Amino acid sequence: MLPATTFWERNDVHTPWAGAGHYAIFMKQAIAPIGECRNDFDICAELARRLGIEGYSDKTEEEWLRELTRDAIDDFDAFRDQGLARLPAPDDAVAFAREIRDPEHYPFSTPSGKIEIYSMTLAARPDPYGLGAIPPIPTWIDDAIDPRYPLRLVTPKSRARTHSIHGNQPVLARADTDDVWINVADAAARGIVDGQTARVFNGRGVTHLPAAGDRSHRARSRLHQGGRLVHARRLRGRYPGLRQCAHAGPRASPAGAAPFNSCFVDVAPATP
């Protein structure tokens, strides 16, 4: 993995989540890149040069930002200086309002031009991505359970961080501790008590965290999404059983998405 800059170390343009708002933000670089970190743009341009790809880019970072915003931002210089540009409000906040109100002139991009509960496209080609068949109508598909890893791992967001950002802030960590929740009956069957360092593992990775028994559904466990890879020496005083933290990513769904809650694990007392 190449050391890329954070959003503090580069200029960028951002819109609200999923572009749902009617404004844009100019994210002005706050500090110079630290160490050997480089902008993603510069990394890709240099890789292209070394691979002999000509004409990959003929613009600087700012020139690209101007180009990408030219149809939406009238005065880029004012936008860059002020940090905010207000865009026209949407005509209608209701999703697909135009298609629903005037389906004759604004059909959906489906074979029928309508919202399709039963997908004729998937019926004709059930495995479009080569990842497994997708039913033409929404259907619950059970995961194959490996008896070695009988607990389904769910991964909600943490109140203390965004993904891994701020995961190194001890004050924020007090607002939402990183522990693994497990049904009290499942914990008792494994000899795990509250506060004990537990080992959460499957065939792809392992992490050590304090256990917290709760009343969640049987055969479930929970730990926060977006954990950080932490060297064992830093936390061994806090969690005596901690030895390593490793990501245990799930497989892709047939539609190409990452089904994070289709990850199966087991939990056991951590050994010193």
Protein backbone atom coordinates (compact mmCIF):
# COMPACT_ATOMS: atom_id res chain seq x y z
CA MET A 1 0.00 0.00 0.00
CA LEU A 2 1.43 3.38 -1.00
CA PRO A 3 1.34 6.18 1.61
CA ALA A 4 -1.44 8.48 0.34
CA THR A 5 -2.27 11.89 1.74
CA THR A 6 -5.19 12.49 4.06
CA PHE A 7 -7.82 15.12 3.33
CA TRP A 8 -5.81 17.53 5.50
CA GLU A 9 -2.86 17.29 3.11
CA ARG A 10 -4.49 17.99 -0.26
CA ASN A 11 -7.10 20.16 -1.96
CA ASP A 12 -10.39 18.59 -2.93
CA VAL A 13 -14.07 19.30 -3.60
CA HIS A 14 -16.86 17.55 -1.78
CA THR A 15 -20.65 17.51 -1.78
CA PRO A 16 -22.90 16.27 1.03
CA TRP A 17 -23.45 12.55 1.50
CA ALA A 18 -24.48 10.95 -1.83
CA GLY A 19 -24.80 14.43 -3.36
CA ALA A 20 -28.10 14.97 -1.54
CA GLY A 21 -27.51 18.63 -0.68
CA HIS A 22 -27.50 21.76 -2.83
CA TYR A 23 -24.04 23.05 -1.97
CA ALA A 24 -20.40 22.11 -2.52
CA ILE A 25 -17.42 22.44 -0.17
CA PHE A 26 -13.87 23.32 -1.17
CA MET A 27 -11.64 21.26 1.12
CA LYS A 28 -8.56 23.47 1.35
CA GLN A 29 -5.24 21.83 2.12
CA ALA A 30 -4.30 22.53 5.74
CA ILE A 31 -0.78 21.07 6.02
CA ALA A 32 1.97 19.83 3.75
CA PRO A 33 2.06 16.07 3.10
CA ILE A 34 3.75 14.25 5.98
CA GLY A 35 6.76 12.06 5.36
CA GLU A 36 6.58 10.26 2.03
CA CYS A 37 2.80 10.67 1.60
CA ARG A 38 1.69 11.70 -1.87
CA ASN A 39 -1.60 12.74 -3.43
CA ASP A 40 -3.49 9.88 -5.13
CA PHE A 41 -3.38 11.93 -8.32
CA ASP A 42 0.42 12.17 -8.21
CA ILE A 43 0.77 8.47 -7.35
CA CYS A 44 -1.36 7.42 -10.33
CA ALA A 45 0.41 9.83 -12.68
CA GLU A 46 3.81 8.49 -11.64
CA LEU A 47 2.65 4.87 -11.98
CA ALA A 48 1.35 5.67 -15.45
CA ARG A 49 4.72 7.19 -16.40
CA ARG A 50 6.62 4.14 -15.17
CA LEU A 51 4.26 1.83 -17.06
CA GLY A 52 4.86 3.78 -20.25
CA ILE A 53 1.31 5.13 -20.45
CA GLU A 54 1.43 8.43 -22.32
CA GLY A 55 -1.10 11.21 -22.00
CA TYR A 56 -2.48 9.97 -18.66
CA SER A 57 -2.91 13.53 -17.42
CA ASP A 58 -1.96 16.98 -18.65
CA LYS A 59 -3.46 18.93 -15.73
CA THR A 60 -2.42 19.92 -12.23
CA GLU A 61 -4.52 19.19 -9.16
CA GLU A 62 -6.22 22.61 -9.31
CA GLU A 63 -6.77 22.38 -13.05
CA TRP A 64 -8.56 19.07 -12.55
CA LEU A 65 -10.73 20.55 -9.79
CA ARG A 66 -11.64 23.42 -12.08
CA GLU A 67 -12.44 21.00 -14.89
CA LEU A 68 -14.57 18.71 -12.74
CA THR A 69 -16.63 21.58 -11.32
CA ARG A 70 -16.92 23.84 -14.37
CA ASP A 71 -20.55 22.85 -15.12
CA ALA A 72 -21.65 23.49 -11.52
CA ILE A 73 -19.43 26.28 -10.15
CA ASP A 74 -19.61 29.68 -11.85
CA ASP A 75 -16.69 31.33 -10.04
CA PHE A 76 -14.06 28.78 -9.03
CA ASP A 77 -11.72 31.37 -7.51
CA ALA A 78 -14.43 32.66 -5.18
CA PHE A 79 -15.41 29.07 -4.38
CA ARG A 80 -11.81 28.21 -3.46
CA ASP A 81 -11.41 31.35 -1.32
CA GLN A 82 -14.76 31.18 0.48
CA GLY A 83 -14.84 27.38 0.82
CA LEU A 84 -18.51 27.05 -0.11
CA ALA A 85 -20.67 27.28 -3.21
CA ARG A 86 -24.45 27.14 -3.09
CA LEU A 87 -26.06 25.22 -5.92
CA PRO A 88 -29.66 25.38 -7.16
CA ALA A 89 -32.05 23.53 -4.89
CA PRO A 90 -33.54 20.37 -6.39
CA ASP A 91 -36.92 20.75 -8.04
CA ASP A 92 -38.29 17.93 -5.96
CA ALA A 93 -36.82 16.16 -2.95
CA VAL A 94 -38.81 12.98 -3.64
CA ALA A 95 -36.76 10.25 -5.30
CA PHE A 96 -37.84 9.44 -8.88
CA ALA A 97 -40.61 12.07 -8.67
CA ARG A 98 -40.26 12.88 -12.38
CA GLU A 99 -40.49 9.24 -13.48
CA ILE A 100 -43.49 8.57 -11.25
CA ARG A 101 -45.45 11.70 -12.19
CA ASP A 102 -44.75 11.55 -15.91
CA PRO A 103 -43.79 7.95 -16.77
CA GLU A 104 -44.58 8.43 -20.45
CA HIS A 105 -41.91 11.07 -20.96
CA TYR A 106 -39.50 9.91 -18.22
CA PRO A 107 -39.46 6.10 -18.13
CA PHE A 108 -37.14 4.15 -15.87
CA SER A 109 -34.09 2.55 -17.49
CA THR A 110 -35.64 -0.92 -17.30
CA PRO A 111 -36.95 -2.98 -20.22
CA SER A 112 -40.52 -2.10 -19.22
CA GLY A 113 -39.76 1.52 -18.32
CA LYS A 114 -41.31 0.88 -14.91
CA ILE A 115 -40.07 -0.08 -11.46
CA GLU A 116 -39.64 -3.82 -11.78
CA ILE A 117 -40.16 -6.02 -8.74
CA TYR A 118 -39.45 -9.02 -10.96
CA SER A 119 -36.35 -8.32 -13.06
CA MET A 120 -36.62 -9.63 -16.59
CA THR A 121 -32.95 -8.73 -17.07
CA LEU A 122 -31.85 -11.02 -14.24
CA ALA A 123 -34.31 -13.71 -15.34
CA ALA A 124 -32.58 -13.78 -18.73
CA ARG A 125 -29.07 -13.50 -17.29
CA PRO A 126 -29.00 -14.51 -13.63
CA ASP A 127 -25.21 -14.34 -13.18
CA PRO A 128 -24.16 -11.06 -14.85
CA TYR A 129 -20.95 -10.64 -12.84
CA GLY A 130 -19.76 -14.22 -12.60
CA LEU A 131 -20.17 -14.18 -8.79
CA GLY A 132 -23.22 -16.41 -8.51
CA ALA A 133 -26.85 -16.40 -9.60
CA ILE A 134 -29.13 -13.54 -8.51
CA PRO A 135 -32.85 -14.35 -8.25
CA PRO A 136 -35.06 -12.17 -10.49
CA ILE A 137 -37.27 -11.35 -7.49
CA PRO A 138 -35.88 -10.34 -4.05
CA THR A 139 -35.21 -13.56 -2.18
CA TRP A 140 -33.54 -14.39 1.12
CA ILE A 141 -30.50 -16.56 0.46
CA ASP A 142 -29.05 -18.42 3.42
CA ASP A 143 -25.29 -18.38 3.80
CA ALA A 144 -23.46 -21.65 3.98
CA ILE A 145 -22.31 -21.96 7.61
CA ASP A 146 -18.93 -23.39 8.40
CA PRO A 147 -19.30 -25.30 11.70
CA ARG A 148 -15.90 -23.97 12.77
CA TYR A 149 -17.31 -20.41 12.78
CA PRO A 150 -20.93 -20.58 13.95
CA LEU A 151 -21.46 -16.91 14.93
CA ARG A 152 -22.64 -14.34 12.41
CA LEU A 153 -20.64 -11.15 12.89
CA VAL A 154 -22.54 -7.87 12.56
CA THR A 155 -20.57 -4.63 12.31
CA PRO A 156 -22.48 -1.42 13.17
CA LYS A 157 -20.95 2.04 13.08
CA SER A 158 -19.21 3.39 16.16
CA ARG A 159 -20.34 6.63 17.79
CA ALA A 160 -16.70 7.42 18.56
CA ARG A 161 -15.24 7.54 15.05
CA THR A 162 -15.91 7.54 11.32
CA HIS A 163 -14.65 4.23 9.96
CA SER A 164 -11.08 4.28 11.34
CA ILE A 165 -10.79 8.07 11.59
CA HIS A 166 -10.36 9.22 15.22
CA GLY A 167 -9.80 5.63 16.32
CA ASN A 168 -6.65 6.85 18.06
CA GLN A 169 -8.50 9.35 20.27
CA PRO A 170 -8.79 7.95 23.82
CA VAL A 171 -11.34 10.58 24.91
CA LEU A 172 -13.70 9.67 22.06
CA ALA A 173 -13.16 5.96 22.71
CA ARG A 174 -14.79 6.43 26.12
CA ALA A 175 -18.04 7.35 24.34
CA ASP A 176 -18.29 3.98 22.62
CA THR A 177 -15.82 1.32 23.67
CA ASP A 178 -14.46 -1.24 21.28
CA ASP A 179 -15.60 -4.59 22.58
CA VAL A 180 -17.25 -7.68 21.17
CA TRP A 181 -20.87 -8.29 22.10
CA ILE A 182 -22.03 -11.87 22.41
CA ASN A 183 -25.25 -13.42 23.67
CA VAL A 184 -24.93 -14.32 27.35
CA ALA A 185 -25.80 -17.96 26.65
CA ASP A 186 -23.25 -18.18 23.83
CA ALA A 187 -20.67 -16.53 26.09
CA ALA A 188 -21.38 -18.94 28.97
CA ALA A 189 -21.06 -21.94 26.64
CA ARG A 190 -17.59 -20.70 25.71
CA GLY A 191 -16.48 -19.90 29.24
CA ILE A 192 -16.39 -16.14 28.59
CA VAL A 193 -17.29 -13.57 31.25
CA ASP A 194 -17.90 -9.84 30.95
CA GLY A 195 -14.74 -7.78 30.56
CA GLN A 196 -12.57 -10.77 29.74
CA THR A 197 -10.31 -10.44 26.73
CA ALA A 198 -11.80 -12.60 24.00
CA ARG A 199 -10.39 -13.88 20.75
CA VAL A 200 -12.63 -13.24 17.72
CA PHE A 201 -11.45 -15.26 14.75
CA ASN A 202 -12.12 -17.10 11.53
CA GLY A 203 -9.98 -18.47 8.71
CA ARG A 204 -9.04 -14.98 7.51
CA GLY A 205 -8.00 -13.16 10.65
CA VAL A 206 -8.18 -12.64 14.38
CA THR A 207 -8.67 -9.78 16.81
CA HIS A 208 -8.56 -9.59 20.61
CA LEU A 209 -11.10 -7.39 22.42
CA PRO A 210 -12.95 -7.26 25.76
CA ALA A 211 -16.15 -9.32 25.72
CA ALA A 212 -19.55 -7.94 26.72
CA GLY A 213 -22.43 -10.36 27.26
CA ASP A 214 -25.78 -9.03 26.06
CA ARG A 215 -29.28 -10.16 25.15
CA SER A 216 -28.80 -10.11 21.40
CA HIS A 217 -29.94 -12.95 19.18
CA ARG A 218 -28.26 -16.29 19.67
CA ALA A 219 -25.49 -17.20 17.23
CA ARG A 220 -24.67 -13.51 16.75
CA SER A 221 -21.67 -11.40 17.72
CA ARG A 222 -21.03 -7.71 17.21
CA LEU A 223 -18.01 -5.49 16.95
CA HIS A 224 -17.69 -2.02 15.49
CA GLN A 225 -16.93 -1.45 11.85
CA GLY A 226 -13.71 0.36 11.00
CA GLY A 227 -11.25 -0.93 13.57
CA ARG A 228 -7.62 0.08 13.38
CA LEU A 229 -4.62 -2.20 13.04
CA VAL A 230 -2.79 -1.69 16.33
CA HIS A 231 0.58 -3.05 17.32
CA ALA A 232 0.22 -5.46 20.23
CA ARG A 233 2.80 -3.75 22.46
CA ARG A 234 0.74 -0.55 22.59
CA LEU A 235 -2.32 -2.21 24.08
CA ARG A 236 -0.91 -5.15 25.98
CA GLY A 237 -1.08 -3.22 29.23
CA ARG A 238 -4.78 -2.50 28.66
CA TYR A 239 -5.72 -5.91 27.25
CA PRO A 240 -3.27 -8.49 28.64
CA GLY A 241 -4.41 -11.17 26.20
CA LEU A 242 -4.03 -9.03 23.10
CA ARG A 243 -1.60 -10.40 20.55
CA GLN A 244 -2.69 -9.13 17.15
CA CYS A 245 -5.46 -7.38 15.25
CA ALA A 246 -6.21 -8.42 11.70
CA HIS A 247 -8.95 -7.61 9.19
CA ALA A 248 -11.27 -10.48 8.35
CA GLY A 249 -13.10 -9.34 5.21
CA PRO A 250 -16.12 -11.14 3.77
CA ARG A 251 -16.65 -12.39 0.25
CA ALA A 252 -18.50 -10.32 -2.36
CA SER A 253 -22.21 -10.77 -2.97
CA PRO A 254 -23.42 -11.96 -6.41
CA ALA A 255 -24.34 -8.32 -7.18
CA GLY A 256 -20.76 -7.21 -6.50
CA ALA A 257 -21.39 -5.51 -3.14
CA ALA A 258 -19.53 -6.30 0.08
CA PRO A 259 -21.97 -8.05 2.45
CA PHE A 260 -20.25 -7.13 5.70
CA ASN A 261 -22.82 -8.95 7.83
CA SER A 262 -22.22 -12.23 6.02
CA CYS A 263 -18.98 -12.71 7.92
CA PHE A 264 -18.90 -15.69 10.28
CA VAL A 265 -16.58 -16.04 13.27
CA ASP A 266 -16.18 -17.80 16.58
CA VAL A 267 -15.29 -16.26 19.92
CA ALA A 268 -13.12 -17.87 22.58
CA PRO A 269 -11.28 -16.78 25.74
CA ALA A 270 -7.95 -15.25 24.77
CA THR A 271 -4.92 -17.04 26.07
CA PRO A 272 -1.92 -15.04 27.44
